[in-house]
Protein backbone atom coordinates (compact mmCIF):
# COMPACT_ATOMS: atom_id res chain seq x y z
CA MET A 1 -21.32 2.75 -1.93
CA GLU A 2 -25.18 3.08 -2.68
CA VAL A 3 -25.04 6.37 -3.81
CA SER A 4 -21.82 6.03 -5.88
CA GLY A 5 -23.88 3.06 -7.47
CA LYS A 6 -26.62 5.20 -7.97
CA ILE A 7 -24.29 7.75 -10.04
CA LEU A 8 -22.62 5.16 -11.95
CA ARG A 9 -25.69 3.71 -13.18
CA ARG A 10 -26.92 7.30 -14.05
CA SER A 11 -23.87 8.19 -15.90
CA ILE A 12 -23.89 4.72 -17.95
CA HIS A 13 -27.72 5.35 -18.75
CA SER A 14 -27.06 9.12 -19.83
CA PHE A 15 -23.92 7.51 -22.00
CA LEU A 16 -26.15 4.70 -23.46
CA GLN A 17 -29.12 7.32 -24.16
CA ASN A 18 -27.06 9.62 -26.33
CA TYR A 19 -24.95 6.74 -27.27
CA HIS A 20 -24.29 8.42 -31.13
CA TYR A 21 -23.22 11.66 -29.93
CA PHE A 22 -20.81 10.63 -27.23
CA THR A 23 -19.28 7.86 -29.31
CA SER A 24 -18.90 9.99 -32.46
CA THR A 25 -18.58 13.73 -31.85
CA ALA A 26 -16.68 13.47 -28.32
CA ALA A 27 -15.03 10.42 -28.84
CA PHE A 28 -13.42 11.53 -32.09
CA LEU A 29 -12.21 15.02 -30.46
CA VAL A 30 -10.73 12.76 -27.86
CA PHE A 31 -8.78 10.33 -30.19
CA PRO A 32 -5.75 12.26 -30.85
CA PHE A 33 -5.24 12.58 -27.24
CA SER A 34 -5.91 8.88 -26.61
CA ALA A 35 -3.46 7.92 -29.50
CA SER A 36 -0.55 10.28 -28.21
CA ILE A 37 -1.19 8.91 -24.87
CA LEU A 38 -0.82 5.34 -25.85
CA LEU A 39 2.14 6.14 -28.54
CA SER A 40 4.04 7.81 -25.33
CA GLN A 41 4.14 4.92 -23.20
CA ALA A 42 5.36 2.74 -26.28
CA PRO A 43 9.35 2.45 -26.69
CA ILE A 44 9.09 5.25 -29.65
CA PRO A 45 12.34 7.80 -30.24
CA ALA A 46 10.72 10.51 -28.30
CA THR A 47 10.42 8.52 -25.14
CA SER A 48 13.46 6.43 -25.66
CA SER A 49 15.73 9.69 -25.53
CA LEU A 50 13.43 11.56 -22.51
CA LEU A 51 12.68 8.74 -20.27
CA PRO A 52 16.11 7.95 -19.19
CA HIS A 53 17.10 11.23 -18.65
CA ILE A 54 13.74 11.99 -16.07
CA TYR A 55 14.64 8.60 -14.37
CA ASN A 56 18.57 9.61 -13.82
CA ARG A 57 17.10 12.89 -12.48
CA LEU A 58 14.83 11.68 -10.02
CA ARG A 59 16.96 8.99 -9.01
CA THR A 60 19.93 11.80 -8.32
CA LEU A 61 16.87 13.65 -6.75
CA PHE A 62 15.94 10.61 -4.43
CA ASP A 63 19.79 9.80 -3.43
CA ALA A 64 19.81 13.64 -2.21
CA ALA A 65 16.71 13.46 -0.32
CA GLY A 66 18.03 10.33 1.65
CA PHE A 67 15.96 7.71 0.18
CA PRO A 68 17.58 4.13 0.26
CA SER A 69 18.81 3.55 -3.02
CA SER A 70 18.79 -0.19 -2.66
CA SER A 71 14.89 -0.23 -2.18
CA GLN A 72 13.06 -1.94 -5.09
CA LEU A 73 9.68 -0.17 -4.28
CA PHE A 74 11.23 3.22 -4.92
CA SER A 75 12.87 2.10 -8.10
CA ILE A 76 9.60 1.12 -8.63
CA LEU A 77 7.81 4.21 -7.96
CA ASN A 78 11.08 6.29 -9.74
CA LEU A 79 10.25 4.36 -12.82
CA LYS A 80 6.66 4.99 -12.68
CA VAL A 81 6.97 8.83 -11.72
CA SER A 82 9.53 9.27 -14.66
CA GLN A 83 7.07 7.47 -17.12
CA THR A 84 4.05 10.09 -16.19
CA ILE A 85 6.21 13.04 -16.36
CA THR A 86 7.64 11.98 -19.63
CA SER A 87 3.65 11.12 -21.17
CA SER A 88 2.61 14.33 -19.64
CA ILE A 89 5.39 16.35 -21.47
CA LEU A 90 4.78 14.22 -24.78
CA THR A 91 0.74 14.91 -24.87
CA PHE A 92 0.35 18.04 -23.65
CA PRO A 93 -0.44 19.69 -26.67
CA PHE A 94 -3.15 17.16 -27.27
CA THR A 95 -4.36 17.36 -23.66
CA ILE A 96 -5.04 21.55 -23.91
CA THR A 97 -6.43 21.38 -27.63
CA PHE A 98 -8.45 18.03 -28.21
CA LEU A 99 -9.23 16.83 -24.67
CA LEU A 100 -10.28 19.92 -23.19
CA ILE A 101 -12.54 20.91 -26.30
CA ALA A 102 -13.84 17.20 -25.76
CA LYS A 103 -14.63 17.96 -22.07
CA ALA A 104 -16.07 21.15 -23.05
CA PHE A 105 -18.63 19.43 -25.67
CA VAL A 106 -19.67 16.69 -22.96
CA ILE A 107 -19.85 19.29 -20.30
CA ARG A 108 -22.01 21.72 -22.34
CA ALA A 109 -24.06 18.57 -23.19
CA LEU A 110 -24.98 18.00 -19.64
CA ASN A 111 -24.86 20.99 -18.37
CA HIS A 112 -29.02 21.32 -18.41
CA SER A 113 -31.69 18.96 -17.22
CA LYS A 114 -32.03 17.37 -20.62
CA PRO A 115 -28.85 16.83 -23.01
CA THR A 116 -27.96 19.71 -25.26
CA LEU A 117 -26.72 17.74 -28.28
CA SER A 118 -26.29 20.56 -30.49
CA PRO A 119 -23.94 22.89 -28.65
CA SER A 120 -22.78 25.92 -30.70
CA PHE A 121 -19.19 26.98 -31.75
CA ALA A 122 -19.59 30.09 -29.36
CA SER A 123 -20.90 28.16 -26.33
CA ILE A 124 -17.65 25.71 -26.78
CA ALA A 125 -15.28 28.60 -26.97
CA SER A 126 -16.76 30.16 -24.14
CA LEU A 127 -15.78 26.97 -22.17
CA TYR A 128 -12.85 26.33 -23.35
CA LYS A 129 -11.07 29.36 -21.47
CA PRO A 130 -11.97 28.52 -17.72
CA LEU A 131 -11.05 24.79 -18.68
CA PHE A 132 -7.78 25.71 -19.74
CA HIS A 133 -6.97 28.20 -17.07
CA THR A 134 -8.26 25.10 -14.24
CA TYR A 135 -6.10 22.85 -16.24
CA ILE A 136 -2.91 24.99 -15.64
CA TRP A 137 -3.60 25.59 -11.87
CA ASN A 138 -4.71 21.85 -11.45
CA SER A 139 -1.53 21.03 -13.08
CA LEU A 140 0.79 23.49 -10.40
CA MET A 141 -1.65 21.42 -7.70
CA ILE A 142 -0.47 18.02 -8.65
CA ILE A 143 3.32 19.26 -8.92
CA SER A 144 2.65 20.33 -5.26
CA ALA A 145 1.05 17.32 -4.17
CA ASN A 146 4.02 15.44 -5.41
CA ALA A 147 6.37 18.03 -4.02
CA THR A 148 4.51 17.53 -0.48
CA ALA A 149 4.49 13.49 -0.72
CA PHE A 150 8.29 13.69 -1.52
CA SER A 151 9.41 16.23 1.54
CA LEU A 152 7.20 14.22 3.60
CA LEU A 153 8.91 11.10 2.89
CA SER A 154 12.20 12.49 2.90
CA PHE A 155 11.76 13.96 6.33
CA THR A 156 10.62 10.49 8.07
CA PHE A 157 13.44 8.94 6.11
CA SER A 158 15.76 11.34 7.72
CA CYS A 159 14.50 11.24 11.20
CA PHE A 160 14.34 6.89 11.00
CA GLU A 161 17.95 7.31 10.14
CA GLY A 162 18.80 9.65 12.83
CA LEU A 163 16.95 7.07 15.43
CA GLY A 164 18.97 4.48 14.00
CA LEU A 165 16.11 2.37 12.62
CA SER A 166 17.91 1.28 9.45
CA SER A 167 17.81 -2.12 9.33
CA PRO A 168 16.66 -3.83 6.09
CA ASN A 169 13.05 -4.80 7.54
CA CYS A 170 12.73 -1.37 8.53
CA LEU A 171 13.42 0.22 5.60
CA LEU A 172 11.43 -2.37 3.45
CA LEU A 173 8.24 -1.63 5.70
CA LEU A 174 8.96 2.28 5.79
CA SER A 175 9.29 2.35 1.73
CA ALA A 176 5.91 0.33 1.62
CA ALA A 177 4.32 2.97 4.02
CA GLY A 178 5.51 5.81 2.15
CA ILE A 179 4.32 4.54 -1.32
CA VAL A 180 1.07 4.38 -0.24
CA LEU A 181 1.02 7.42 1.63
CA PHE A 182 2.05 8.86 -1.59
CA SER A 183 -0.57 7.11 -3.37
CA VAL A 184 -2.90 8.61 -1.04
CA ILE A 185 -2.23 11.88 -1.57
CA LEU A 186 -1.69 11.83 -5.09
CA ALA A 187 -5.10 10.32 -5.34
CA ASN A 188 -6.95 12.87 -3.37
CA ALA A 189 -5.25 15.68 -5.63
CA LEU A 190 -6.05 14.00 -8.77
CA VAL A 191 -10.37 13.39 -7.60
CA ILE A 192 -9.97 17.10 -6.78
CA CYS A 193 -8.48 18.40 -10.12
CA ASN A 194 -10.96 16.40 -11.85
CA MET A 195 -13.82 17.88 -10.00
CA ALA A 196 -12.63 21.48 -10.44
CA THR A 197 -12.41 20.68 -14.14
CA VAL A 198 -15.76 19.92 -14.09
CA LEU A 199 -17.03 22.62 -11.99
CA SER A 200 -15.34 25.17 -14.03
CA GLY A 201 -17.18 24.09 -17.21
CA MET A 202 -20.59 23.67 -15.45
CA GLU A 203 -20.27 27.16 -13.82
CA GLU A 204 -17.94 28.71 -16.75
CA HIS A 205 -15.58 30.05 -13.94
CA GLY A 206 -11.74 28.49 -13.78
CA GLY A 207 -8.62 29.04 -12.01
CA TYR A 208 -7.74 28.49 -8.65
CA MET A 209 -11.31 29.25 -7.26
CA ALA A 210 -12.77 26.36 -9.10
CA ILE A 211 -9.98 24.18 -6.87
CA LEU A 212 -11.25 25.82 -3.45
CA LYS A 213 -15.12 25.33 -4.80
CA ALA A 214 -14.35 21.88 -5.68
CA CYS A 215 -12.95 21.07 -2.02
CA VAL A 216 -15.82 22.49 -0.41
CA LEU A 217 -18.53 20.35 -2.26
CA MET A 218 -16.43 17.49 -1.90
CA ARG A 219 -16.15 17.65 1.89
CA GLY A 220 -16.80 14.19 3.35
CA LYS A 221 -16.94 12.78 0.12
CA THR A 222 -13.60 12.20 -1.08
CA SER A 223 -13.99 8.40 -0.60
CA MET A 224 -17.00 8.32 -3.07
CA ALA A 225 -15.11 10.48 -5.50
CA LEU A 226 -12.25 7.91 -5.61
CA PHE A 227 -15.11 4.82 -5.77
CA LEU A 228 -16.37 6.63 -8.93
CA ALA A 229 -13.19 6.95 -10.15
CA LEU A 230 -11.36 3.53 -9.73
CA PRO A 231 -13.42 1.46 -12.27
CA VAL A 232 -13.11 3.69 -15.38
CA ASN A 233 -9.31 4.45 -14.39
CA MET A 234 -8.98 0.28 -14.02
CA VAL A 235 -10.53 0.26 -17.48
CA LEU A 236 -8.19 2.75 -19.08
CA ALA A 237 -5.15 1.04 -17.49
CA ALA A 238 -6.51 -2.00 -18.88
CA ILE A 239 -6.88 -0.70 -22.17
CA GLU A 240 -3.25 0.85 -21.76
CA ALA A 241 -2.04 -3.04 -21.18
CA LEU A 242 -4.03 -4.49 -24.05
CA PHE A 243 -2.13 -1.77 -26.29
CA GLN A 244 1.54 -2.75 -25.04
CA PHE A 245 0.44 -6.12 -25.73
CA ARG A 246 -1.47 -6.10 -28.97
CA VAL A 247 0.27 -3.67 -30.69
CA VAL A 248 3.97 -2.83 -29.02
CA ARG A 249 4.74 -6.58 -28.47
CA ALA A 250 3.77 -7.46 -31.93
CA TYR A 251 5.90 -4.35 -33.50
CA HIS A 252 8.97 -6.11 -31.46
CA ILE A 253 8.39 -9.43 -32.75
CA ALA A 254 7.73 -8.52 -36.56
CA GLN A 255 10.29 -5.50 -36.44
CA ARG A 256 8.00 -3.77 -38.92
CA PRO A 257 4.59 -2.12 -38.94
CA ALA A 258 1.63 -3.99 -40.64
CA PHE A 259 -2.20 -2.85 -41.83
CA SER A 260 -3.68 -5.41 -39.18
CA MET A 261 -1.25 -3.95 -36.32
CA ALA A 262 -2.49 -0.03 -37.19
CA SER A 263 -6.00 -1.22 -37.60
CA GLU A 264 -6.14 -2.84 -33.91
CA GLY A 265 -4.14 0.05 -32.54
CA ILE A 266 -6.61 2.37 -33.99
CA PHE A 267 -9.74 0.42 -32.42
CA ILE A 268 -7.79 0.36 -29.20
CA ALA A 269 -7.25 4.31 -29.14
CA TYR A 270 -11.03 4.64 -30.02
CA LEU A 271 -11.97 2.37 -27.04
CA TYR A 272 -9.61 4.25 -24.67
CA SER A 273 -11.65 7.47 -25.76
CA VAL A 274 -14.83 6.42 -25.21
CA PHE A 275 -14.24 5.41 -21.77
CA ALA A 276 -12.51 8.96 -21.44
CA VAL A 277 -15.84 10.39 -22.28
CA LEU A 278 -17.48 8.30 -19.81
CA ASP A 279 -15.23 9.40 -17.15
CA THR A 280 -16.21 12.71 -17.79
CA ILE A 281 -19.78 11.92 -17.81
CA VAL A 282 -19.38 10.41 -14.29
CA SER A 283 -17.75 13.26 -12.93
CA CYS A 284 -20.42 15.65 -14.23
CA MET A 285 -22.90 13.21 -12.37
CA PHE A 286 -21.12 13.51 -9.32
CA TYR A 287 -20.77 17.31 -9.24
CA LYS A 288 -24.56 17.39 -9.63
CA SER A 289 -25.15 15.12 -7.01
CA CYS A 290 -22.53 17.19 -4.64
CA LYS A 291 -24.29 20.51 -5.71
CA ARG A 292 -27.63 19.20 -5.04
CA GLU A 293 -26.55 17.87 -1.48
CA PHE A 294 -24.88 21.15 -0.91
CA LEU A 295 -27.67 23.56 -1.77
CA ILE A 296 -30.16 21.16 0.37
CA ASP A 297 -27.51 21.79 3.31
CA GLN A 298 -27.40 25.32 3.01
CA ASP A 299 -31.16 25.83 2.63
CA ASP A 300 -31.72 23.38 6.02
CA LYS A 301 -29.16 25.64 7.81
CA HIS A 302 -31.24 28.82 6.36
CA ILE A 303 -34.67 27.27 7.61
CA LEU A 304 -32.98 26.86 11.08
CA ARG A 305 -31.66 29.98 11.54
CA ILE A 306 -35.46 31.83 10.45
CA GLU A 307 -36.97 29.13 12.75
CA PHE A 308 -34.33 30.43 15.91
CA SER A 309 -34.98 34.13 14.99
CA GLU A 310 -38.78 33.54 15.16
CA GLU A 311 -38.94 31.51 18.50
CA GLU A 312 -36.08 34.13 20.06
CA ASN A 313 -38.53 36.92 19.01
CA TYR A 314 -41.70 35.51 20.78
CA GLY A 315 -39.21 34.94 23.74
CA TYR A 316 -38.97 31.28 23.47
CA MET A 317 -35.65 31.25 24.06
CA GLY A 318 -34.83 34.23 25.53
CA THR A 319 -31.31 33.82 26.78
CA LYS A 320 -29.67 35.13 23.41
CA ASN A 321 -29.89 38.17 21.23
CA PHE A 322 -30.87 37.88 17.48
CA GLU A 323 -27.14 39.17 17.04
CA GLU A 324 -25.68 36.40 18.65
CA LEU A 325 -27.09 33.66 16.21
CA PRO A 326 -24.50 31.95 14.11
């Protein structure tokens, strides 16, 4: 927790030290993506036609997999997954353009000991390709994580049904445990994908290798990554709820758009953009911390190997040969 607190303080310090850059250039690049995220969760014609279709498809899939259709928890899970899929589809063009370009700006600025606040167009273009490749592989990983979680839940429910444990209390307990398992698997996949995105920008190598390197760097630090991702994601969720309460609710009451409503929506979208930039800064600082510890650990192992070899050359540990060293 102490190390996580230091990373958060360092991230906030870097954000405030370069406040004008991160809140102007980077935040305005994220703004179209933020607006699309907020609008995709509002009852506009696009979501009104797509969301019920996805919800019914997932409900049919859950029923075929043997999930209890009477479970209220799985109905809520189905609704949230349907909303996430709908939002991802509607915001996909803005994600692969504005969001990835904004991440490239932030990563390029923090890729050195002193932030580079005037990155060239060529440097940003060189970062976009690995970020895009990593985003595609991250999407496949998220889909695989969801499929794995649903497969495990389906297998578990089938086993319990075969054992005759199908009472309402048992199903409720099993459903709650299944949702917790699903959340844990998805949260771990998300933090790995987030680290892979930053790693691909820092090292300018994208694709599935970025995901593998992220897993190596985050070995033993998953809880720290979840702790770092929690505050910013809670703030983003609160901003989404604020948009629903202040803009969407006001629109339903008035039944017509107003200037005050539009200006408030723009401000909320800008606020969402600022915290999305801050989330990238935290990920960059976390990557630097993991990279530093990884290099120190590798140096320690290298020094230890050299000390053993010297001792054996002098016959201090004569029971092994040099080739037997790990």
